[in-house]
């Protein structure tokens, strides 16, 4: 659940509305799950753009990286990941023998699944 939360945070940092998430994201300038996904899918030209622009706080560089993310459908890749992880977490939680732990984990998952901030 913690890994999902961090990946979700990377996603919201990049694609979330700063008015909703309460901050301007910096994950374009830092390492994140999104760049790993992009590098696995990028063609030679997209990889060149990523190498030239990733890790820089320049707004034009950030826009170039986000554009590559959009070309590679990173948002859809995240949504597929989120759905897959949610199903896995639900089945793992449901298999928990201890009722109290199971209920606490359900509460945590409900708070973070599909969050927007």
N, C-alpha and C. Protein backbone atom coordinates (compact mmCIF):
# COMPACT_ATOMS: atom_id res chain seq x y z
N UNK A 1 0.83 -1.19 0.00
CA UNK A 1 0.00 0.00 0.00
C UNK A 1 0.88 1.25 0.00
N UNK A 2 2.00 1.19 0.69
CA UNK A 2 2.91 2.33 0.73
C UNK A 2 3.52 2.64 -0.62
N UNK A 3 3.87 1.59 -1.37
CA UNK A 3 4.43 1.78 -2.71
C UNK A 3 3.37 2.42 -3.61
N UNK A 4 2.15 1.90 -3.55
CA UNK A 4 1.05 2.48 -4.33
C UNK A 4 0.87 3.95 -3.98
N UNK A 5 0.90 4.28 -2.69
CA UNK A 5 0.72 5.66 -2.26
C UNK A 5 1.81 6.56 -2.86
N UNK A 6 3.06 6.10 -2.85
CA UNK A 6 4.16 6.91 -3.38
C UNK A 6 4.04 7.10 -4.89
N UNK A 7 3.69 6.04 -5.59
CA UNK A 7 3.52 6.13 -7.04
C UNK A 7 2.36 7.06 -7.36
N UNK A 8 1.29 6.95 -6.60
CA UNK A 8 0.14 7.84 -6.76
C UNK A 8 0.55 9.28 -6.52
N UNK A 9 1.41 9.52 -5.53
CA UNK A 9 1.90 10.86 -5.25
C UNK A 9 2.70 11.42 -6.43
N UNK A 10 3.54 10.58 -7.03
CA UNK A 10 4.29 10.98 -8.23
C UNK A 10 3.32 11.39 -9.34
N UNK A 11 2.29 10.57 -9.54
CA UNK A 11 1.29 10.83 -10.58
C UNK A 11 0.57 12.16 -10.32
N UNK A 12 0.10 12.35 -9.09
CA UNK A 12 -0.60 13.59 -8.76
C UNK A 12 0.31 14.81 -8.87
N UNK A 13 1.58 14.63 -8.50
CA UNK A 13 2.55 15.72 -8.61
C UNK A 13 2.67 16.19 -10.06
N UNK A 14 2.61 15.25 -10.98
CA UNK A 14 2.79 15.59 -12.39
C UNK A 14 1.49 16.01 -13.05
N UNK A 15 0.43 15.26 -12.81
CA UNK A 15 -0.82 15.48 -13.54
C UNK A 15 -1.94 16.12 -12.71
N UNK A 16 -1.74 16.24 -11.42
CA UNK A 16 -2.78 16.81 -10.57
C UNK A 16 -2.88 18.31 -10.71
N UNK A 17 -4.02 18.84 -10.37
CA UNK A 17 -4.28 20.28 -10.38
C UNK A 17 -3.68 20.88 -9.11
N UNK A 18 -2.71 21.81 -9.23
CA UNK A 18 -2.10 22.41 -8.03
C UNK A 18 -3.12 23.03 -7.08
N UNK A 19 -4.23 23.51 -7.62
CA UNK A 19 -5.28 24.08 -6.77
C UNK A 19 -5.92 23.01 -5.89
N UNK A 20 -5.96 21.78 -6.39
CA UNK A 20 -6.58 20.68 -5.66
C UNK A 20 -5.57 19.98 -4.75
N UNK A 21 -4.37 19.70 -5.27
CA UNK A 21 -3.39 18.96 -4.47
C UNK A 21 -2.67 19.84 -3.46
N UNK A 22 -2.79 21.17 -3.61
CA UNK A 22 -2.22 22.09 -2.63
C UNK A 22 -0.74 22.35 -2.78
N UNK A 23 -0.16 21.96 -3.90
CA UNK A 23 1.26 22.21 -4.12
C UNK A 23 1.55 22.15 -5.60
N UNK A 24 2.68 22.74 -5.97
CA UNK A 24 3.17 22.62 -7.34
C UNK A 24 4.17 21.48 -7.32
N UNK A 25 3.91 20.47 -8.12
CA UNK A 25 4.74 19.27 -8.09
C UNK A 25 6.16 19.50 -8.58
N UNK A 26 7.07 18.71 -8.02
CA UNK A 26 8.47 18.78 -8.42
C UNK A 26 8.99 17.43 -8.90
N UNK A 27 8.11 16.47 -9.11
CA UNK A 27 8.59 15.13 -9.48
C UNK A 27 9.17 15.09 -10.89
N UNK A 28 8.92 16.10 -11.71
CA UNK A 28 9.58 16.15 -13.02
C UNK A 28 11.07 16.41 -12.82
N UNK A 29 11.41 17.14 -11.77
CA UNK A 29 12.81 17.43 -11.51
C UNK A 29 13.49 16.34 -10.69
N UNK A 30 12.73 15.41 -10.17
CA UNK A 30 13.26 14.37 -9.30
C UNK A 30 12.91 12.99 -9.87
N UNK A 31 13.52 11.97 -9.33
CA UNK A 31 13.26 10.61 -9.78
C UNK A 31 11.85 10.19 -9.38
N UNK A 32 11.16 9.51 -10.26
CA UNK A 32 9.83 9.03 -9.94
C UNK A 32 9.46 7.83 -10.80
N UNK A 33 8.39 7.19 -10.41
CA UNK A 33 7.84 6.05 -11.13
C UNK A 33 7.51 6.43 -12.57
N UNK A 34 7.05 7.64 -12.76
CA UNK A 34 6.64 8.09 -14.10
C UNK A 34 7.80 8.05 -15.09
N UNK A 35 8.96 8.53 -14.68
CA UNK A 35 10.10 8.55 -15.60
C UNK A 35 10.56 7.13 -15.90
N UNK A 36 10.48 6.25 -14.93
CA UNK A 36 10.86 4.85 -15.17
C UNK A 36 9.95 4.25 -16.25
N UNK A 37 8.66 4.49 -16.13
CA UNK A 37 7.72 3.98 -17.13
C UNK A 37 8.02 4.58 -18.50
N UNK A 38 8.26 5.88 -18.53
CA UNK A 38 8.54 6.56 -19.80
C UNK A 38 9.79 6.01 -20.47
N UNK A 39 10.82 5.78 -19.68
CA UNK A 39 12.08 5.29 -20.26
C UNK A 39 11.95 3.87 -20.80
N UNK A 40 11.05 3.10 -20.21
CA UNK A 40 10.82 1.75 -20.73
C UNK A 40 10.10 1.76 -22.07
N UNK A 41 9.34 2.81 -22.32
CA UNK A 41 8.50 2.87 -23.52
C UNK A 41 9.01 3.80 -24.62
N UNK A 42 9.88 4.72 -24.25
CA UNK A 42 10.29 5.79 -25.16
C UNK A 42 11.07 5.27 -26.36
N UNK A 43 10.80 5.91 -27.51
CA UNK A 43 11.62 5.64 -28.69
C UNK A 43 12.88 6.51 -28.59
N UNK A 44 13.72 6.45 -29.59
CA UNK A 44 15.00 7.18 -29.55
C UNK A 44 14.80 8.68 -29.40
N UNK A 45 13.87 9.25 -30.14
CA UNK A 45 13.63 10.69 -30.07
C UNK A 45 13.07 11.09 -28.71
N UNK A 46 12.11 10.32 -28.21
CA UNK A 46 11.53 10.63 -26.90
C UNK A 46 12.57 10.50 -25.79
N UNK A 47 13.44 9.49 -25.92
CA UNK A 47 14.49 9.30 -24.94
C UNK A 47 15.45 10.50 -24.94
N UNK A 48 15.75 11.02 -26.12
CA UNK A 48 16.61 12.19 -26.24
C UNK A 48 15.98 13.39 -25.53
N UNK A 49 14.69 13.58 -25.74
CA UNK A 49 13.97 14.68 -25.08
C UNK A 49 14.02 14.51 -23.57
N UNK A 50 13.81 13.29 -23.09
CA UNK A 50 13.86 13.04 -21.66
C UNK A 50 15.24 13.34 -21.09
N UNK A 51 16.27 12.84 -21.75
CA UNK A 51 17.64 13.08 -21.28
C UNK A 51 17.99 14.56 -21.25
N UNK A 52 17.52 15.30 -22.23
CA UNK A 52 17.84 16.72 -22.31
C UNK A 52 17.04 17.57 -21.33
N UNK A 53 15.89 17.09 -20.88
CA UNK A 53 14.99 17.93 -20.10
C UNK A 53 14.68 17.46 -18.69
N UNK A 54 14.79 16.17 -18.44
CA UNK A 54 14.41 15.65 -17.13
C UNK A 54 15.38 16.12 -16.05
N UNK A 55 14.84 16.44 -14.89
CA UNK A 55 15.67 16.85 -13.76
C UNK A 55 15.95 18.33 -13.70
N UNK A 56 15.38 19.08 -14.61
CA UNK A 56 15.60 20.53 -14.65
C UNK A 56 14.32 21.25 -14.22
N UNK A 57 14.48 22.31 -13.46
CA UNK A 57 13.31 23.04 -12.97
C UNK A 57 12.81 24.10 -13.95
N UNK A 58 13.42 24.19 -15.11
CA UNK A 58 13.01 25.12 -16.16
C UNK A 58 11.61 24.73 -16.66
N UNK A 59 10.66 25.67 -16.66
CA UNK A 59 9.30 25.36 -17.10
C UNK A 59 9.22 24.74 -18.51
N UNK A 60 10.10 25.16 -19.42
CA UNK A 60 10.09 24.58 -20.76
C UNK A 60 10.55 23.12 -20.74
N UNK A 61 11.50 22.82 -19.89
CA UNK A 61 11.97 21.44 -19.76
C UNK A 61 10.87 20.56 -19.14
N UNK A 62 10.21 21.09 -18.13
CA UNK A 62 9.12 20.36 -17.49
C UNK A 62 8.02 20.08 -18.51
N UNK A 63 7.68 21.09 -19.32
CA UNK A 63 6.64 20.92 -20.35
C UNK A 63 7.06 19.87 -21.37
N UNK A 64 8.34 19.84 -21.73
CA UNK A 64 8.82 18.85 -22.71
C UNK A 64 8.68 17.44 -22.16
N UNK A 65 9.02 17.26 -20.88
CA UNK A 65 8.90 15.94 -20.25
C UNK A 65 7.43 15.54 -20.16
N UNK A 66 6.59 16.46 -19.73
CA UNK A 66 5.15 16.16 -19.64
C UNK A 66 4.59 15.81 -21.01
N UNK A 67 5.06 16.46 -22.04
CA UNK A 67 4.59 16.16 -23.39
C UNK A 67 4.95 14.72 -23.78
N UNK A 68 6.16 14.30 -23.45
CA UNK A 68 6.55 12.91 -23.72
C UNK A 68 5.65 11.97 -22.91
N UNK A 69 5.40 12.29 -21.66
CA UNK A 69 4.50 11.47 -20.84
C UNK A 69 3.14 11.32 -21.53
N UNK A 70 2.64 12.42 -22.06
CA UNK A 70 1.33 12.38 -22.73
C UNK A 70 1.40 11.54 -24.00
N UNK A 71 2.48 11.68 -24.77
CA UNK A 71 2.64 10.88 -25.99
C UNK A 71 2.67 9.39 -25.67
N UNK A 72 3.25 9.05 -24.54
CA UNK A 72 3.40 7.65 -24.14
C UNK A 72 2.20 7.13 -23.34
N UNK A 73 1.20 7.96 -23.15
CA UNK A 73 0.00 7.59 -22.39
C UNK A 73 0.32 7.14 -20.97
N UNK A 74 1.23 7.85 -20.33
CA UNK A 74 1.63 7.50 -18.97
C UNK A 74 0.43 7.60 -18.02
N UNK A 75 -0.48 8.52 -18.27
CA UNK A 75 -1.67 8.62 -17.42
C UNK A 75 -2.47 7.33 -17.48
N UNK A 76 -2.69 6.79 -18.66
CA UNK A 76 -3.43 5.54 -18.79
C UNK A 76 -2.67 4.38 -18.15
N UNK A 77 -1.36 4.39 -18.28
CA UNK A 77 -0.54 3.34 -17.66
C UNK A 77 -0.70 3.39 -16.15
N UNK A 78 -0.72 4.61 -15.58
CA UNK A 78 -0.94 4.73 -14.15
C UNK A 78 -2.31 4.21 -13.76
N UNK A 79 -3.34 4.58 -14.51
CA UNK A 79 -4.70 4.15 -14.17
C UNK A 79 -4.84 2.63 -14.23
N UNK A 80 -4.19 2.01 -15.18
CA UNK A 80 -4.18 0.54 -15.25
C UNK A 80 -3.45 -0.05 -14.04
N UNK A 81 -2.31 0.55 -13.71
CA UNK A 81 -1.55 0.12 -12.53
C UNK A 81 -2.41 0.25 -11.28
N UNK A 82 -3.06 1.39 -11.13
CA UNK A 82 -3.87 1.66 -9.95
C UNK A 82 -4.99 0.62 -9.81
N UNK A 83 -5.64 0.30 -10.89
CA UNK A 83 -6.71 -0.69 -10.86
C UNK A 83 -6.19 -2.07 -10.46
N UNK A 84 -5.07 -2.45 -11.05
CA UNK A 84 -4.46 -3.75 -10.76
C UNK A 84 -4.04 -3.83 -9.28
N UNK A 85 -3.39 -2.78 -8.79
CA UNK A 85 -2.93 -2.77 -7.40
C UNK A 85 -4.11 -2.76 -6.44
N UNK A 86 -5.14 -2.02 -6.77
CA UNK A 86 -6.32 -1.98 -5.90
C UNK A 86 -6.91 -3.37 -5.74
N UNK A 87 -7.08 -4.07 -6.84
CA UNK A 87 -7.63 -5.44 -6.76
C UNK A 87 -6.75 -6.34 -5.92
N UNK A 88 -5.43 -6.21 -6.10
CA UNK A 88 -4.49 -7.01 -5.31
C UNK A 88 -4.59 -6.67 -3.82
N UNK A 89 -4.64 -5.37 -3.51
CA UNK A 89 -4.72 -4.96 -2.11
C UNK A 89 -6.02 -5.43 -1.46
N UNK A 90 -7.11 -5.33 -2.19
CA UNK A 90 -8.40 -5.79 -1.65
C UNK A 90 -8.34 -7.29 -1.34
N UNK A 91 -7.82 -8.07 -2.26
CA UNK A 91 -7.75 -9.52 -2.01
C UNK A 91 -6.79 -9.84 -0.86
N UNK A 92 -5.70 -9.10 -0.75
CA UNK A 92 -4.76 -9.30 0.35
C UNK A 92 -5.39 -8.93 1.68
N UNK A 93 -6.09 -7.81 1.71
CA UNK A 93 -6.77 -7.38 2.93
C UNK A 93 -7.85 -8.38 3.32
N UNK A 94 -8.63 -8.83 2.35
CA UNK A 94 -9.70 -9.79 2.63
C UNK A 94 -9.17 -11.11 3.18
N UNK A 95 -7.95 -11.44 2.83
CA UNK A 95 -7.35 -12.69 3.31
C UNK A 95 -6.78 -12.57 4.73
N UNK A 96 -6.69 -11.36 5.24
CA UNK A 96 -6.16 -11.15 6.59
C UNK A 96 -7.07 -11.82 7.62
N UNK A 97 -6.47 -12.60 8.49
CA UNK A 97 -7.22 -13.35 9.51
C UNK A 97 -7.77 -12.45 10.61
N UNK A 98 -7.00 -11.45 10.99
CA UNK A 98 -7.38 -10.59 12.10
C UNK A 98 -8.39 -9.54 11.63
N UNK A 99 -9.58 -9.60 12.23
CA UNK A 99 -10.66 -8.69 11.83
C UNK A 99 -10.28 -7.21 12.01
N UNK A 100 -9.63 -6.88 13.11
CA UNK A 100 -9.26 -5.49 13.39
C UNK A 100 -8.27 -4.98 12.36
N UNK A 101 -7.25 -5.76 12.08
CA UNK A 101 -6.27 -5.36 11.07
C UNK A 101 -6.94 -5.21 9.71
N UNK A 102 -7.80 -6.15 9.37
CA UNK A 102 -8.51 -6.10 8.10
C UNK A 102 -9.32 -4.80 7.97
N UNK A 103 -10.02 -4.43 9.02
CA UNK A 103 -10.85 -3.22 8.99
C UNK A 103 -9.99 -1.95 8.92
N UNK A 104 -8.88 -1.93 9.63
CA UNK A 104 -7.98 -0.78 9.58
C UNK A 104 -7.39 -0.62 8.18
N UNK A 105 -6.97 -1.72 7.59
CA UNK A 105 -6.40 -1.66 6.24
C UNK A 105 -7.44 -1.21 5.22
N UNK A 106 -8.68 -1.64 5.39
CA UNK A 106 -9.76 -1.18 4.48
C UNK A 106 -9.96 0.32 4.60
N UNK A 107 -9.88 0.84 5.81
CA UNK A 107 -10.02 2.29 6.03
C UNK A 107 -8.88 3.03 5.34
N UNK A 108 -7.64 2.56 5.51
CA UNK A 108 -6.50 3.19 4.85
C UNK A 108 -6.66 3.18 3.34
N UNK A 109 -7.02 2.02 2.80
CA UNK A 109 -7.16 1.91 1.35
C UNK A 109 -8.25 2.83 0.83
N UNK A 110 -9.35 2.91 1.55
CA UNK A 110 -10.45 3.79 1.14
C UNK A 110 -10.00 5.25 1.10
N UNK A 111 -9.11 5.63 2.04
CA UNK A 111 -8.62 7.02 2.08
C UNK A 111 -7.71 7.36 0.90
N UNK A 112 -6.94 6.39 0.43
CA UNK A 112 -5.97 6.73 -0.61
C UNK A 112 -6.40 6.35 -2.02
N UNK A 113 -7.29 5.38 -2.19
CA UNK A 113 -7.65 4.95 -3.53
C UNK A 113 -8.36 6.06 -4.29
N UNK A 114 -7.84 6.38 -5.45
CA UNK A 114 -8.39 7.43 -6.34
C UNK A 114 -8.39 8.81 -5.68
N UNK A 115 -7.46 9.03 -4.74
CA UNK A 115 -7.40 10.35 -4.11
C UNK A 115 -6.96 11.39 -5.14
N UNK A 116 -7.30 12.63 -4.86
CA UNK A 116 -6.94 13.71 -5.79
C UNK A 116 -5.98 14.71 -5.16
N UNK A 117 -5.65 14.51 -3.89
CA UNK A 117 -4.67 15.41 -3.23
C UNK A 117 -3.93 14.67 -2.16
